Amino acid sequence: MKSENDINPDENRVVKSLGDLLFNEKAKVTKVQSDNPEVQCRLLTLGLYPGVDIEVLRRAPMGDPLQVRSGTTLLSIRQHEALGIEVEPLI
């Protein structure tokens, strides 16, 4: 049974997909998933794994692909791949 004093730190957590982030928005990767195991493996190999900070640098004119920075690495990711990367925006 919950009391008024119970605090859940995850209640105020905002979760988005990488594809939903705006220009220059920074976030921390919380989950990487894909229906295609090869794509998921490639994303993890490129350094997109839980706990990594990421920033959206730019988007192509039609919104796909988007360029992101993870540490010192610049990556171009397709929108459908970015939708499978769950992030928590940094304030």
N, C-alpha and C. Protein backbone atom coordinates (compact mmCIF):
# COMPACT_ATOMS: atom_id res chain seq x y z
N MET A 1 0.83 -1.18 0.00
CA MET A 1 0.00 0.00 0.00
C MET A 1 0.88 1.25 0.00
N LYS A 2 0.59 2.20 -0.89
CA LYS A 2 1.38 3.41 -1.01
C LYS A 2 0.91 4.47 -0.02
N SER A 3 1.86 5.21 0.50
CA SER A 3 1.52 6.35 1.36
C SER A 3 1.87 7.63 0.62
N GLU A 4 1.48 8.75 1.19
CA GLU A 4 1.76 10.04 0.56
C GLU A 4 3.25 10.33 0.49
N ASN A 5 4.03 9.72 1.36
CA ASN A 5 5.46 10.00 1.43
C ASN A 5 6.28 9.16 0.45
N ASP A 6 5.66 8.18 -0.20
CA ASP A 6 6.38 7.37 -1.18
C ASP A 6 6.65 8.21 -2.41
N ILE A 7 7.92 8.25 -2.81
CA ILE A 7 8.30 9.03 -3.98
C ILE A 7 8.87 8.08 -5.02
N ASN A 8 8.35 8.17 -6.22
CA ASN A 8 8.87 7.37 -7.32
C ASN A 8 9.64 8.31 -8.24
N PRO A 9 10.96 8.21 -8.28
CA PRO A 9 11.75 9.14 -9.10
C PRO A 9 11.47 9.02 -10.60
N ASP A 10 10.90 7.90 -11.05
CA ASP A 10 10.63 7.72 -12.47
C ASP A 10 9.31 8.35 -12.92
N GLU A 11 8.48 8.81 -11.98
CA GLU A 11 7.18 9.36 -12.35
C GLU A 11 7.32 10.60 -13.22
N ASN A 12 8.33 11.42 -12.99
CA ASN A 12 8.49 12.67 -13.74
C ASN A 12 9.44 12.52 -14.92
N ARG A 13 9.85 11.31 -15.20
CA ARG A 13 10.78 11.06 -16.29
C ARG A 13 10.08 11.22 -17.64
N VAL A 14 10.71 11.95 -18.53
CA VAL A 14 10.18 12.15 -19.88
C VAL A 14 10.96 11.23 -20.82
N VAL A 15 10.24 10.41 -21.57
CA VAL A 15 10.89 9.49 -22.51
C VAL A 15 10.38 9.80 -23.91
N LYS A 16 11.33 9.94 -24.85
CA LYS A 16 11.01 10.20 -26.25
C LYS A 16 11.83 9.24 -27.10
N SER A 17 11.55 9.25 -28.38
CA SER A 17 12.45 8.53 -29.29
C SER A 17 13.44 9.55 -29.83
N LEU A 18 14.58 9.06 -30.29
CA LEU A 18 15.59 9.94 -30.87
C LEU A 18 15.00 10.70 -32.06
N GLY A 19 14.10 10.07 -32.79
CA GLY A 19 13.48 10.70 -33.95
C GLY A 19 12.58 11.87 -33.59
N ASP A 20 12.18 11.98 -32.32
CA ASP A 20 11.31 13.07 -31.88
C ASP A 20 12.07 14.28 -31.35
N LEU A 21 13.39 14.14 -31.18
CA LEU A 21 14.16 15.26 -30.64
C LEU A 21 14.28 16.39 -31.66
N LEU A 22 14.40 17.59 -31.14
CA LEU A 22 14.52 18.78 -31.97
C LEU A 22 15.99 19.12 -32.20
N PHE A 23 16.23 20.05 -33.12
CA PHE A 23 17.57 20.54 -33.45
C PHE A 23 18.27 21.01 -32.19
N ASN A 24 19.51 20.60 -31.98
CA ASN A 24 20.35 20.94 -30.84
C ASN A 24 19.86 20.40 -29.50
N GLU A 25 18.84 19.55 -29.51
CA GLU A 25 18.36 18.97 -28.25
C GLU A 25 19.30 17.83 -27.83
N LYS A 26 19.60 17.79 -26.54
CA LYS A 26 20.49 16.76 -26.00
C LYS A 26 19.69 15.79 -25.16
N ALA A 27 20.14 14.53 -25.15
CA ALA A 27 19.43 13.49 -24.41
C ALA A 27 20.38 12.38 -24.03
N LYS A 28 19.90 11.50 -23.16
CA LYS A 28 20.64 10.31 -22.76
C LYS A 28 19.89 9.10 -23.31
N VAL A 29 20.59 8.20 -23.98
CA VAL A 29 19.98 6.99 -24.53
C VAL A 29 19.59 6.08 -23.38
N THR A 30 18.34 5.58 -23.41
CA THR A 30 17.87 4.67 -22.38
C THR A 30 17.60 3.26 -22.91
N LYS A 31 17.32 3.15 -24.22
CA LYS A 31 17.04 1.83 -24.79
C LYS A 31 17.25 1.88 -26.30
N VAL A 32 17.80 0.81 -26.85
CA VAL A 32 17.98 0.69 -28.30
C VAL A 32 17.30 -0.60 -28.73
N GLN A 33 16.32 -0.47 -29.63
CA GLN A 33 15.62 -1.66 -30.10
C GLN A 33 15.28 -1.51 -31.58
N SER A 34 15.24 -2.63 -32.25
CA SER A 34 14.91 -2.65 -33.67
C SER A 34 14.31 -4.02 -33.99
N ASP A 35 13.40 -4.04 -34.96
CA ASP A 35 12.84 -5.31 -35.41
C ASP A 35 13.89 -6.13 -36.14
N ASN A 36 14.88 -5.43 -36.70
CA ASN A 36 15.94 -6.08 -37.44
C ASN A 36 17.18 -6.21 -36.55
N PRO A 37 17.58 -7.44 -36.19
CA PRO A 37 18.73 -7.61 -35.30
C PRO A 37 20.03 -7.05 -35.87
N GLU A 38 20.17 -7.02 -37.19
CA GLU A 38 21.38 -6.46 -37.80
C GLU A 38 21.45 -4.95 -37.58
N VAL A 39 20.31 -4.28 -37.69
CA VAL A 39 20.26 -2.82 -37.46
C VAL A 39 20.56 -2.53 -36.00
N GLN A 40 19.96 -3.30 -35.10
CA GLN A 40 20.20 -3.09 -33.67
C GLN A 40 21.68 -3.30 -33.34
N CYS A 41 22.28 -4.32 -33.88
CA CYS A 41 23.70 -4.59 -33.66
C CYS A 41 24.55 -3.45 -34.20
N ARG A 42 24.20 -2.93 -35.38
CA ARG A 42 24.96 -1.82 -35.98
C ARG A 42 24.87 -0.57 -35.11
N LEU A 43 23.67 -0.25 -34.61
CA LEU A 43 23.50 0.92 -33.76
C LEU A 43 24.32 0.79 -32.48
N LEU A 44 24.30 -0.39 -31.87
CA LEU A 44 25.08 -0.61 -30.66
C LEU A 44 26.58 -0.52 -30.95
N THR A 45 27.00 -1.07 -32.09
CA THR A 45 28.41 -1.02 -32.48
C THR A 45 28.87 0.41 -32.74
N LEU A 46 27.98 1.24 -33.25
CA LEU A 46 28.32 2.64 -33.52
C LEU A 46 28.39 3.48 -32.24
N GLY A 47 28.02 2.89 -31.11
CA GLY A 47 28.12 3.60 -29.85
C GLY A 47 26.82 4.11 -29.28
N LEU A 48 25.69 3.73 -29.89
CA LEU A 48 24.39 4.14 -29.37
C LEU A 48 23.86 3.05 -28.44
N TYR A 49 24.21 3.16 -27.18
CA TYR A 49 23.78 2.18 -26.19
C TYR A 49 23.33 2.93 -24.94
N PRO A 50 22.57 2.29 -24.07
CA PRO A 50 22.03 2.97 -22.88
C PRO A 50 23.12 3.63 -22.05
N GLY A 51 22.81 4.88 -21.64
CA GLY A 51 23.73 5.66 -20.82
C GLY A 51 24.54 6.68 -21.58
N VAL A 52 24.54 6.62 -22.90
CA VAL A 52 25.33 7.53 -23.73
C VAL A 52 24.55 8.82 -23.96
N ASP A 53 25.26 9.97 -23.86
CA ASP A 53 24.65 11.26 -24.20
C ASP A 53 24.70 11.45 -25.70
N ILE A 54 23.65 12.07 -26.24
CA ILE A 54 23.52 12.25 -27.68
C ILE A 54 22.91 13.62 -27.95
N GLU A 55 23.26 14.20 -29.09
CA GLU A 55 22.74 15.52 -29.48
C GLU A 55 22.37 15.49 -30.96
N VAL A 56 21.20 16.04 -31.29
CA VAL A 56 20.78 16.15 -32.68
C VAL A 56 21.42 17.40 -33.27
N LEU A 57 22.22 17.22 -34.33
CA LEU A 57 22.92 18.35 -34.95
C LEU A 57 22.15 18.94 -36.11
N ARG A 58 21.60 18.09 -36.97
CA ARG A 58 20.83 18.58 -38.12
C ARG A 58 20.01 17.47 -38.73
N ARG A 59 19.06 17.89 -39.55
CA ARG A 59 18.21 16.96 -40.29
C ARG A 59 18.29 17.32 -41.77
N ALA A 60 18.17 16.31 -42.60
CA ALA A 60 18.11 16.56 -44.05
C ALA A 60 16.82 17.34 -44.33
N PRO A 61 16.75 18.01 -45.49
CA PRO A 61 15.58 18.84 -45.81
C PRO A 61 14.22 18.13 -45.66
N MET A 62 14.15 16.86 -45.96
CA MET A 62 12.89 16.14 -45.82
C MET A 62 12.79 15.42 -44.46
N GLY A 63 13.76 15.70 -43.56
CA GLY A 63 13.73 15.14 -42.21
C GLY A 63 14.41 13.80 -42.06
N ASP A 64 14.94 13.27 -43.14
CA ASP A 64 15.55 11.93 -43.09
C ASP A 64 16.76 11.90 -44.01
N PRO A 65 17.94 11.59 -43.56
CA PRO A 65 18.32 11.15 -42.21
C PRO A 65 18.57 12.34 -41.29
N LEU A 66 18.90 12.02 -40.03
CA LEU A 66 19.30 13.05 -39.10
C LEU A 66 20.73 12.79 -38.67
N GLN A 67 21.46 13.86 -38.40
CA GLN A 67 22.85 13.72 -37.96
C GLN A 67 22.89 13.96 -36.46
N VAL A 68 23.55 13.06 -35.74
CA VAL A 68 23.66 13.17 -34.29
C VAL A 68 25.12 13.06 -33.88
N ARG A 69 25.40 13.59 -32.70
CA ARG A 69 26.74 13.47 -32.13
C ARG A 69 26.62 12.64 -30.85
N SER A 70 27.47 11.64 -30.76
CA SER A 70 27.58 10.81 -29.56
C SER A 70 29.05 10.85 -29.15
N GLY A 71 29.34 11.63 -28.12
CA GLY A 71 30.74 11.86 -27.75
C GLY A 71 31.41 12.66 -28.85
N THR A 72 32.47 12.12 -29.43
CA THR A 72 33.15 12.80 -30.54
C THR A 72 32.76 12.21 -31.89
N THR A 73 31.83 11.25 -31.87
CA THR A 73 31.42 10.57 -33.10
C THR A 73 30.19 11.22 -33.71
N LEU A 74 30.24 11.47 -35.03
CA LEU A 74 29.08 11.99 -35.77
C LEU A 74 28.46 10.83 -36.54
N LEU A 75 27.14 10.69 -36.42
CA LEU A 75 26.42 9.60 -37.07
C LEU A 75 25.24 10.15 -37.86
N SER A 76 24.95 9.53 -38.99
CA SER A 76 23.73 9.81 -39.74
C SER A 76 22.82 8.60 -39.58
N ILE A 77 21.60 8.85 -39.12
CA ILE A 77 20.67 7.76 -38.81
C ILE A 77 19.35 8.02 -39.52
N ARG A 78 18.81 6.99 -40.12
CA ARG A 78 17.49 7.08 -40.76
C ARG A 78 16.41 7.29 -39.70
N GLN A 79 15.36 7.98 -40.08
CA GLN A 79 14.27 8.28 -39.16
C GLN A 79 13.66 7.01 -38.57
N HIS A 80 13.44 5.98 -39.39
CA HIS A 80 12.81 4.76 -38.86
C HIS A 80 13.73 4.05 -37.86
N GLU A 81 15.04 4.21 -38.00
CA GLU A 81 15.98 3.65 -37.01
C GLU A 81 15.96 4.50 -35.74
N ALA A 82 15.88 5.82 -35.90
CA ALA A 82 15.88 6.74 -34.76
C ALA A 82 14.63 6.55 -33.89
N LEU A 83 13.53 6.13 -34.47
CA LEU A 83 12.32 5.90 -33.71
C LEU A 83 12.46 4.73 -32.75
N GLY A 84 13.40 3.83 -33.00
CA GLY A 84 13.64 2.68 -32.13
C GLY A 84 14.62 2.98 -31.01
N ILE A 85 15.14 4.20 -30.94
CA ILE A 85 16.11 4.56 -29.90
C ILE A 85 15.39 5.44 -28.89
N GLU A 86 15.21 4.92 -27.70
CA GLU A 86 14.50 5.63 -26.63
C GLU A 86 15.50 6.50 -25.88
N VAL A 87 15.13 7.76 -25.67
CA VAL A 87 16.02 8.71 -24.99
C VAL A 87 15.28 9.47 -23.91
N GLU A 88 16.03 10.01 -22.98
CA GLU A 88 15.51 10.87 -21.94
C GLU A 88 16.16 12.24 -22.13
N PRO A 89 15.39 13.27 -22.50
CA PRO A 89 15.98 14.59 -22.73
C PRO A 89 16.72 15.11 -21.50
N LEU A 90 17.86 15.77 -21.76
CA LEU A 90 18.64 16.39 -20.68
C LEU A 90 18.20 17.83 -20.52
N ILE A 91 18.18 18.27 -19.30
CA ILE A 91 17.73 19.64 -19.03
C ILE A 91 18.92 20.55 -18.90
